[in-house]
Amino acid sequence: MDKHNLEKDIASDLKEQFETEYGPTWHCMVGRHFSSYVTHEKACYCYFYIGQMGVMLFKTP
């Protein structure tokens, strides 16, 4: 995370890491303000904070 300054770069890096580790197809959103309404595979969703920045990752069916 320390190597990225832009939220889009963090999201891109996390997406690539998750797809390498857990297979396709993952989606990643990073930011201080966003809303979502998504469909995801069972047990393939996570939401957490890094400081004040929200991170949402989910895998689509």
C-alpha atoms as a PDB file:
ATOM      1  CA  MET A   1       0.000   0.000   0.000  1.00  0.00           C
ATOM      2  CA  ASP A   2       2.814   2.400   0.788  1.00  0.00           C
ATOM      3  CA  LYS A   3       3.952   2.467  -2.844  1.00  0.00           C
ATOM      4  CA  HIS A   4       0.614   3.891  -4.078  1.00  0.00           C
ATOM      5  CA  ASN A   5      -0.724   7.410  -3.700  1.00  0.00           C
ATOM      6  CA  LEU A   6      -3.896   7.171  -5.780  1.00  0.00           C
ATOM      7  CA  GLU A   7      -6.949   5.190  -4.736  1.00  0.00           C
ATOM      8  CA  LYS A   8      -7.284   3.725  -8.233  1.00  0.00           C
ATOM      9  CA  ASP A   9      -3.742   2.336  -8.017  1.00  0.00           C
ATOM     10  CA  ILE A  10      -4.461   0.727  -4.642  1.00  0.00           C
ATOM     11  CA  ALA A  11      -7.661  -0.808  -6.042  1.00  0.00           C
ATOM     12  CA  SER A  12      -5.855  -2.127  -9.115  1.00  0.00           C
ATOM     13  CA  ASP A  13      -3.068  -3.681  -7.038  1.00  0.00           C
ATOM     14  CA  LEU A  14      -5.489  -5.333  -4.583  1.00  0.00           C
ATOM     15  CA  LYS A  15      -7.606  -6.706  -7.448  1.00  0.00           C
ATOM     16  CA  GLU A  16      -4.529  -8.250  -9.076  1.00  0.00           C
ATOM     17  CA  GLN A  17      -3.376  -9.753  -5.770  1.00  0.00           C
ATOM     18  CA  PHE A  18      -6.793 -11.284  -5.043  1.00  0.00           C
ATOM     19  CA  GLU A  19      -7.133 -12.705  -8.561  1.00  0.00           C
ATOM     20  CA  THR A  20      -3.653 -14.243  -8.323  1.00  0.00           C
ATOM     21  CA  GLU A  21      -4.414 -15.782  -4.923  1.00  0.00           C
ATOM     22  CA  TYR A  22      -8.115 -16.703  -5.310  1.00  0.00           C
ATOM     23  CA  GLY A  23      -8.798 -16.784  -9.069  1.00  0.00           C
ATOM     24  CA  PRO A  24     -10.974 -14.460 -11.175  1.00  0.00           C
ATOM     25  CA  THR A  25     -13.184 -12.375 -11.137  1.00  0.00           C
ATOM     26  CA  TRP A  26     -12.690  -9.901  -8.269  1.00  0.00           C
ATOM     27  CA  HIS A  27     -13.747  -6.254  -8.112  1.00  0.00           C
ATOM     28  CA  CYS A  28     -12.222  -3.658  -5.812  1.00  0.00           C
ATOM     29  CA  MET A  29     -13.386  -0.224  -4.685  1.00  0.00           C
ATOM     30  CA  VAL A  30     -11.245   2.109  -2.616  1.00  0.00           C
ATOM     31  CA  GLY A  31     -12.145   5.544  -1.287  1.00  0.00           C
ATOM     32  CA  ARG A  32     -13.370   7.742   1.506  1.00  0.00           C
ATOM     33  CA  HIS A  33     -16.949   8.069   0.199  1.00  0.00           C
ATOM     34  CA  PHE A  34     -18.826   5.482  -1.839  1.00  0.00           C
ATOM     35  CA  SER A  35     -22.008   3.462  -1.719  1.00  0.00           C
ATOM     36  CA  SER A  36     -22.611   0.056  -3.200  1.00  0.00           C
ATOM     37  CA  TYR A  37     -25.243  -2.503  -4.008  1.00  0.00           C
ATOM     38  CA  VAL A  38     -23.583  -5.596  -5.460  1.00  0.00           C
ATOM     39  CA  THR A  39     -24.151  -9.284  -6.093  1.00  0.00           C
ATOM     40  CA  HIS A  40     -21.263 -11.474  -5.002  1.00  0.00           C
ATOM     41  CA  GLU A  41     -20.417 -15.116  -4.530  1.00  0.00           C
ATOM     42  CA  LYS A  42     -21.108 -16.603  -1.118  1.00  0.00           C
ATOM     43  CA  ALA A  43     -18.205 -16.003   1.299  1.00  0.00           C
ATOM     44  CA  CYS A  44     -16.398 -13.838  -1.302  1.00  0.00           C
ATOM     45  CA  TYR A  45     -16.876 -10.331   0.073  1.00  0.00           C
ATOM     46  CA  CYS A  46     -14.775  -8.204   2.384  1.00  0.00           C
ATOM     47  CA  TYR A  47     -14.958  -4.627   3.562  1.00  0.00           C
ATOM     48  CA  PHE A  48     -12.371  -2.961   5.754  1.00  0.00           C
ATOM     49  CA  TYR A  49     -10.631   0.330   6.459  1.00  0.00           C
ATOM     50  CA  ILE A  50      -7.034   1.387   6.005  1.00  0.00           C
ATOM     51  CA  GLY A  51      -6.905   4.562   8.064  1.00  0.00           C
ATOM     52  CA  GLN A  52      -9.855   6.634   6.812  1.00  0.00           C
ATOM     53  CA  MET A  53     -10.017   4.880   3.434  1.00  0.00           C
ATOM     54  CA  GLY A  54     -12.657   2.199   2.875  1.00  0.00           C
ATOM     55  CA  VAL A  55     -11.795  -0.908   0.841  1.00  0.00           C
ATOM     56  CA  MET A  56     -14.400  -3.266  -0.610  1.00  0.00           C
ATOM     57  CA  LEU A  57     -13.502  -6.463  -2.471  1.00  0.00           C
ATOM     58  CA  PHE A  58     -15.995  -8.924  -3.905  1.00  0.00           C
ATOM     59  CA  LYS A  59     -16.067 -11.796  -6.367  1.00  0.00           C
ATOM     60  CA  THR A  60     -18.836 -12.042  -8.947  1.00  0.00           C
ATOM     61  CA  PRO A  61     -20.593 -15.252  -9.909  1.00  0.00           C
END
